[in-house]
Amino acid sequence: MPLHLLPRSLNYLETVARVGSIQAASRALGIAASAIDRQIIALEELCQTPLFERHARGMRLTSAGETAVLMARRWRADEARLEEDLRTMRGEQFGTVRLGAMDSLANSVLPDLIETFAERYSRIRFSVDIMTPKEVAHELEIGSIDLALAFNLPTDKSRHVLWSAPLPLGCVVGVGHPLWGAERTTLSEAAKHPLAVQSRALPVRGYLDERYGWLFDQAEPTLVTNSLQFLKQALIGGSYLAITSQLDTLRELEEGSLFFVPLADKNLRPQTISVVVDARRSLSRAARLVGEALSEMLPASLLRVSLSKKRDPPTPIRVLKT
């Protein structure tokens, strides 16, 4: 049974902050709105400061409220870890692993990971959130996730890196593109072709803007999207080129529907990919198993793609006219 160690007032506070109003929290918790309001008022009196700004359309956290909610979420995370540790001590292979990861892995590494654990450890559950690297760093800091799988995380003494590797940039193209099968290319050459790019909301675009923004001045992108999955489908047609890493298109490279051309520019700095945990908190047995699995699966997948021989383009499907 759940331990339910989080004080009632902090539970109500965190719920109101998450759903935006006392009425919405009442529906979510099945508790009378008046009871939730009384608990929050009592907590504000105890703290001697308002925790919410009350508006006609809902509740907004004050700075003090944000601090209190942060504590509540850490408390909840620690409660979950305690419950899992106790189960481990009783010999149960059990637990929920909270993982923050990148959208680029949603059709490759992550499904493989879930499938592997479903077969080997059926009682280990997953909570996987797709986040930006900035969001991952924040959630790891407050303890709401156990493991982070992210690009370009800066070094921090509070983080422990289980595995990390450089991710060289290259041009990804589909069947029929002039660069399909090329040994290497350059950014200047890439700029001669119609570009498909991720929007600035996504990690790799910010990375490219910061270091190679001139590329987009020289060649305005033909296609901009905030969906990596849509971008890859557009590339498969062969009309566009995207600058990214092999990991962003891992499944499609393995299947042969896309091709990766390394960039040969001097001083071109690669991205990084890392599996990271909070060094200040102990990992549950389940989270350790997941961290170990990711640290094996990711390099194996990258090596498999790197060593694969160049494929001939698939034969185009002819549409017969009637």
Protein backbone atom coordinates (compact mmCIF):
# COMPACT_ATOMS: atom_id res chain seq x y z
CA MET A 1 0.00 0.00 0.00
CA PRO A 2 1.21 3.57 -0.67
CA LEU A 3 2.87 5.20 2.34
CA HIS A 4 1.08 8.60 1.99
CA LEU A 5 3.72 10.44 4.03
CA LEU A 6 3.24 13.80 2.30
CA PRO A 7 1.31 16.15 4.65
CA ARG A 8 -2.23 16.85 3.52
CA SER A 9 -1.66 20.58 3.23
CA LEU A 10 1.35 20.11 0.92
CA ASN A 11 -0.58 17.62 -1.18
CA TYR A 12 -3.38 20.14 -1.63
CA LEU A 13 -0.90 22.93 -2.35
CA GLU A 14 0.89 20.91 -5.04
CA THR A 15 -2.39 19.84 -6.65
CA VAL A 16 -3.78 23.38 -6.82
CA ALA A 17 -0.49 24.57 -8.32
CA ARG A 18 -0.66 21.81 -10.94
CA VAL A 19 -4.31 22.19 -12.00
CA GLY A 20 -4.63 25.95 -11.49
CA SER A 21 -7.59 26.36 -9.13
CA ILE A 22 -9.17 25.06 -5.93
CA GLN A 23 -12.26 23.85 -7.80
CA ALA A 24 -10.13 21.85 -10.25
CA ALA A 25 -8.12 20.43 -7.34
CA SER A 26 -11.36 19.45 -5.63
CA ARG A 27 -12.41 17.44 -8.69
CA ALA A 28 -8.97 15.85 -9.06
CA LEU A 29 -8.72 14.80 -5.41
CA GLY A 30 -12.37 14.13 -4.63
CA ILE A 31 -12.11 16.50 -1.66
CA ALA A 32 -14.46 19.39 -0.87
CA ALA A 33 -13.15 22.71 -2.19
CA SER A 34 -13.78 24.34 1.20
CA ALA A 35 -11.51 21.77 2.91
CA ILE A 36 -8.71 22.40 0.42
CA ASP A 37 -9.08 26.18 0.82
CA ARG A 38 -8.92 25.91 4.63
CA GLN A 39 -5.74 23.83 4.49
CA ILE A 40 -4.02 26.30 2.14
CA ILE A 41 -5.04 29.31 4.24
CA ALA A 42 -3.74 27.56 7.36
CA LEU A 43 -0.45 26.82 5.58
CA GLU A 44 -0.13 30.46 4.49
CA GLU A 45 -0.72 31.59 8.08
CA LEU A 46 1.93 29.15 9.28
CA CYS A 47 4.39 30.45 6.65
CA GLN A 48 3.36 34.06 7.39
CA THR A 49 3.22 34.84 3.68
CA PRO A 50 0.81 34.27 0.75
CA LEU A 51 1.54 31.16 -1.30
CA PHE A 52 -0.90 32.00 -4.11
CA GLU A 53 -2.12 35.06 -5.94
CA ARG A 54 -5.88 34.62 -6.22
CA HIS A 55 -7.46 35.70 -9.50
CA ALA A 56 -10.92 35.34 -10.99
CA ARG A 57 -9.61 32.72 -13.42
CA GLY A 58 -7.60 30.71 -10.90
CA MET A 59 -4.60 30.63 -8.60
CA ARG A 60 -1.01 31.59 -9.39
CA LEU A 61 1.95 30.70 -7.19
CA THR A 62 3.93 33.42 -5.47
CA SER A 63 7.70 33.06 -5.08
CA ALA A 64 7.11 31.59 -1.61
CA GLY A 65 4.52 29.22 -3.10
CA GLU A 66 6.99 28.01 -5.73
CA THR A 67 9.48 27.21 -3.00
CA ALA A 68 6.84 25.29 -1.03
CA VAL A 69 5.71 23.34 -4.10
CA LEU A 70 9.33 22.44 -4.88
CA MET A 71 9.64 21.02 -1.36
CA ALA A 72 6.36 19.10 -1.77
CA ARG A 73 7.55 17.51 -5.00
CA ARG A 74 10.88 16.53 -3.47
CA TRP A 75 9.01 15.04 -0.52
CA ARG A 76 6.78 13.04 -2.87
CA ALA A 77 9.80 11.80 -4.83
CA ASP A 78 11.59 10.78 -1.63
CA GLU A 79 8.44 8.96 -0.48
CA ALA A 80 8.37 6.98 -3.73
CA ARG A 81 12.04 6.08 -3.32
CA LEU A 82 11.47 4.95 0.26
CA GLU A 83 8.58 2.75 -0.82
CA GLU A 84 10.70 1.17 -3.56
CA ASP A 85 13.68 0.68 -1.22
CA LEU A 86 11.45 -1.11 1.28
CA ARG A 87 10.10 -3.38 -1.43
CA THR A 88 13.66 -4.13 -2.56
CA MET A 89 14.61 -5.05 1.00
CA ARG A 90 11.70 -7.49 0.99
CA GLY A 91 13.16 -9.09 -2.13
CA GLU A 92 10.63 -7.67 -4.59
CA GLN A 93 11.84 -6.65 -8.06
CA PHE A 94 9.51 -3.67 -8.16
CA GLY A 95 9.48 0.05 -8.79
CA THR A 96 8.54 2.98 -10.99
CA VAL A 97 11.40 4.54 -12.90
CA ARG A 98 10.89 8.16 -13.90
CA LEU A 99 12.84 9.02 -17.02
CA GLY A 100 13.24 12.37 -18.77
CA ALA A 101 14.26 11.90 -22.40
CA MET A 102 14.46 13.48 -25.85
CA ASP A 103 11.79 13.25 -28.55
CA SER A 104 14.37 11.90 -31.02
CA LEU A 105 14.44 8.61 -29.09
CA ALA A 106 10.68 8.11 -29.09
CA ASN A 107 10.69 5.70 -32.04
CA SER A 108 14.00 3.93 -31.40
CA VAL A 109 15.80 3.52 -28.08
CA LEU A 110 12.85 4.16 -25.75
CA PRO A 111 10.47 1.54 -27.23
CA ASP A 112 13.34 -0.99 -27.24
CA LEU A 113 14.04 -0.20 -23.59
CA ILE A 114 10.41 -0.62 -22.55
CA GLU A 115 10.05 -3.86 -24.48
CA THR A 116 13.23 -5.29 -22.92
CA PHE A 117 12.05 -4.54 -19.40
CA ALA A 118 8.54 -5.85 -20.08
CA GLU A 119 10.12 -9.20 -20.89
CA ARG A 120 12.72 -9.32 -18.10
CA TYR A 121 11.22 -7.28 -15.23
CA SER A 122 7.46 -7.23 -15.62
CA ARG A 123 6.89 -5.49 -12.26
CA ILE A 124 9.10 -2.50 -13.06
CA ARG A 125 6.98 0.40 -14.32
CA PHE A 126 8.00 3.45 -16.33
CA SER A 127 7.03 7.11 -16.31
CA VAL A 128 8.64 8.66 -19.41
CA ASP A 129 8.38 12.39 -20.11
CA ILE A 130 9.65 13.96 -23.33
CA MET A 131 11.47 17.16 -22.39
CA THR A 132 13.98 19.72 -23.60
CA PRO A 133 17.49 19.53 -22.10
CA LYS A 134 16.70 22.59 -19.96
CA GLU A 135 13.56 20.93 -18.60
CA VAL A 136 15.44 17.69 -17.95
CA ALA A 137 18.11 19.53 -15.93
CA HIS A 138 15.43 21.25 -13.84
CA GLU A 139 13.40 18.10 -13.17
CA LEU A 140 16.56 16.20 -12.21
CA GLU A 141 17.48 19.03 -9.83
CA ILE A 142 14.13 18.97 -8.01
CA GLY A 143 14.05 15.17 -7.90
CA SER A 144 10.94 14.57 -10.00
CA ILE A 145 12.82 12.21 -12.34
CA ASP A 146 15.34 9.47 -11.56
CA LEU A 147 17.29 9.46 -14.82
CA ALA A 148 17.94 12.00 -17.54
CA LEU A 149 18.74 11.10 -21.14
CA ALA A 150 19.59 14.40 -22.79
CA PHE A 151 21.68 16.32 -25.28
CA ASN A 152 24.37 18.83 -24.30
CA LEU A 153 23.81 18.85 -20.54
CA PRO A 154 26.41 21.15 -18.94
CA THR A 155 28.75 19.71 -16.33
CA ASP A 156 27.43 20.08 -12.80
CA LYS A 157 28.89 18.70 -9.57
CA SER A 158 25.40 17.61 -8.46
CA ARG A 159 25.08 15.27 -11.47
CA HIS A 160 26.66 11.88 -12.00
CA VAL A 161 27.15 10.78 -15.61
CA LEU A 162 26.52 7.06 -16.13
CA TRP A 163 27.41 7.24 -19.83
CA SER A 164 28.18 9.95 -22.36
CA ALA A 165 29.34 10.16 -25.96
CA PRO A 166 29.94 12.80 -28.65
CA LEU A 167 27.39 13.04 -31.45
CA PRO A 168 29.03 14.42 -34.61
CA LEU A 169 26.76 16.46 -36.85
CA GLY A 170 26.00 15.43 -40.40
CA CYS A 171 23.51 15.83 -43.21
CA VAL A 172 20.56 13.45 -43.25
CA VAL A 173 18.92 12.86 -46.62
CA GLY A 174 16.36 10.57 -48.20
CA VAL A 175 16.36 8.39 -51.29
CA GLY A 176 16.98 10.36 -54.47
CA HIS A 177 18.74 13.30 -52.82
CA PRO A 178 21.99 14.34 -54.57
CA LEU A 179 23.98 13.68 -51.38
CA TRP A 180 22.65 10.13 -50.88
CA GLY A 181 25.69 7.83 -50.64
CA ALA A 182 28.27 10.65 -50.34
CA GLU A 183 31.34 9.93 -48.20
CA ARG A 184 31.28 13.39 -46.60
CA THR A 185 30.20 16.97 -47.23
CA THR A 186 30.52 20.47 -45.77
CA LEU A 187 28.17 23.07 -44.35
CA SER A 188 28.74 25.28 -47.40
CA GLU A 189 27.75 22.43 -49.69
CA ALA A 190 24.72 21.67 -47.50
CA ALA A 191 23.58 25.28 -47.86
CA LYS A 192 23.16 24.75 -51.62
CA HIS A 193 20.29 22.32 -51.03
CA PRO A 194 16.76 22.94 -49.67
CA LEU A 195 17.02 22.75 -45.87
CA ALA A 196 14.52 21.26 -43.45
CA VAL A 197 15.16 22.34 -39.87
CA GLN A 198 13.71 21.97 -36.42
CA SER A 199 12.14 25.07 -34.90
CA ARG A 200 13.95 27.06 -32.24
CA ALA A 201 11.89 25.32 -29.57
CA LEU A 202 13.94 22.14 -30.11
CA PRO A 203 17.50 21.46 -28.86
CA VAL A 204 19.47 20.89 -32.06
CA ARG A 205 18.21 24.13 -33.66
CA GLY A 206 19.38 26.18 -30.69
CA TYR A 207 22.73 24.42 -30.87
CA LEU A 208 23.09 25.21 -34.58
CA ASP A 209 21.91 28.81 -34.19
CA GLU A 210 24.46 29.43 -31.46
CA ARG A 211 27.44 28.03 -33.35
CA TYR A 212 26.55 28.09 -37.05
CA GLY A 213 23.84 30.69 -37.40
CA TRP A 214 25.44 31.98 -40.60
CA LEU A 215 24.19 28.85 -42.35
CA PHE A 216 20.57 30.00 -42.08
CA ASP A 217 21.49 33.49 -43.28
CA GLN A 218 23.10 31.97 -46.36
CA ALA A 219 20.25 29.55 -47.04
CA GLU A 220 16.80 30.24 -45.61
CA PRO A 221 15.19 26.93 -44.57
CA THR A 222 12.48 25.64 -46.89
CA LEU A 223 10.76 23.70 -44.11
CA VAL A 224 10.64 24.56 -40.38
CA THR A 225 8.80 22.34 -37.88
CA ASN A 226 8.67 21.67 -34.14
CA SER A 227 8.06 17.95 -34.79
CA LEU A 228 11.11 15.79 -35.31
CA GLN A 229 8.91 12.89 -36.39
CA PHE A 230 7.33 15.01 -39.16
CA LEU A 231 10.76 16.32 -40.18
CA LYS A 232 12.01 12.76 -40.70
CA GLN A 233 9.02 11.85 -42.82
CA ALA A 234 9.66 14.93 -44.98
CA LEU A 235 13.31 13.90 -45.42
CA ILE A 236 12.39 10.42 -46.62
CA GLY A 237 10.94 11.93 -49.79
CA GLY A 238 14.44 13.00 -50.89
CA SER A 239 13.72 16.69 -51.50
CA TYR A 240 15.21 18.10 -48.31
CA LEU A 241 18.36 17.93 -46.21
CA ALA A 242 18.58 18.26 -42.44
CA ILE A 243 21.64 18.86 -40.27
CA THR A 244 21.51 16.73 -37.15
CA SER A 245 23.09 13.69 -35.50
CA GLN A 246 22.69 9.98 -36.18
CA LEU A 247 20.78 9.56 -32.94
CA ASP A 248 17.96 11.82 -34.12
CA THR A 249 17.30 9.44 -37.03
CA LEU A 250 18.51 6.15 -35.59
CA ARG A 251 15.58 3.95 -36.60
CA GLU A 252 15.36 5.37 -40.13
CA LEU A 253 19.12 4.98 -40.68
CA GLU A 254 18.92 1.35 -39.55
CA GLU A 255 15.99 0.71 -41.89
CA GLY A 256 17.76 2.40 -44.81
CA SER A 257 15.07 5.01 -45.48
CA LEU A 258 17.49 7.83 -44.57
CA PHE A 259 21.23 8.26 -45.08
CA PHE A 260 23.76 10.10 -42.89
CA VAL A 261 26.56 12.09 -44.56
CA PRO A 262 29.31 13.21 -42.11
CA LEU A 263 30.31 16.88 -42.16
CA ALA A 264 34.02 17.42 -42.79
CA ASP A 265 34.29 21.09 -41.68
CA LYS A 266 37.25 21.78 -39.41
CA ASN A 267 36.48 22.82 -35.83
CA LEU A 268 32.91 21.52 -36.12
CA ARG A 269 32.00 20.68 -32.54
CA PRO A 270 29.79 17.64 -31.93
CA GLN A 271 26.80 17.54 -29.64
CA THR A 272 26.85 15.20 -26.65
CA ILE A 273 24.36 12.64 -25.37
CA SER A 274 24.41 11.59 -21.72
CA VAL A 275 22.65 9.32 -19.26
CA VAL A 276 22.70 11.28 -16.00
CA VAL A 277 21.45 10.89 -12.42
CA ASP A 278 21.46 13.19 -9.40
CA ALA A 279 24.65 12.45 -7.46
CA ARG A 280 23.00 13.60 -4.22
CA ARG A 281 20.30 10.93 -4.21
CA SER A 282 20.53 7.17 -4.06
CA LEU A 283 19.06 5.25 -6.98
CA SER A 284 16.49 2.52 -6.50
CA ARG A 285 17.35 -0.95 -7.74
CA ALA A 286 14.92 -0.48 -10.65
CA ALA A 287 16.48 2.85 -11.68
CA ARG A 288 19.97 1.36 -11.54
CA LEU A 289 18.86 -1.44 -13.87
CA VAL A 290 17.44 1.08 -16.33
CA GLY A 291 20.57 3.24 -16.18
CA GLU A 292 22.77 0.21 -16.87
CA ALA A 293 20.54 -0.86 -19.75
CA LEU A 294 20.61 2.57 -21.39
CA SER A 295 24.39 2.77 -20.99
CA GLU A 296 24.65 -0.47 -23.00
CA MET A 297 21.87 0.07 -25.55
CA LEU A 298 22.85 3.56 -26.70
CA PRO A 299 26.50 2.90 -27.64
CA ALA A 300 25.50 -0.42 -29.21
CA SER A 301 22.91 1.33 -31.39
CA LEU A 302 25.32 4.07 -32.45
CA LEU A 303 28.04 1.54 -33.23
CA ARG A 304 25.62 -0.57 -35.27
CA VAL A 305 24.68 2.41 -37.42
CA SER A 306 28.29 3.60 -37.80
CA LEU A 307 29.54 0.19 -38.92
CA SER A 308 26.70 -0.51 -41.31
CA LYS A 309 27.73 -0.54 -44.98
CA LYS A 310 26.26 1.91 -47.41
CA ARG A 311 23.07 0.64 -48.88
CA ASP A 312 21.82 1.10 -52.40
CA PRO A 313 18.74 3.31 -52.45
CA PRO A 314 15.50 1.32 -52.26
CA THR A 315 13.82 0.81 -55.60
CA PRO A 316 11.14 3.49 -56.07
CA ILE A 317 7.56 2.22 -56.27
CA ARG A 318 6.07 2.92 -59.68
CA VAL A 319 2.49 4.06 -59.82
CA LEU A 320 0.77 2.65 -62.89
CA LYS A 321 -1.53 4.98 -64.75
CA THR A 322 -4.88 3.63 -65.76
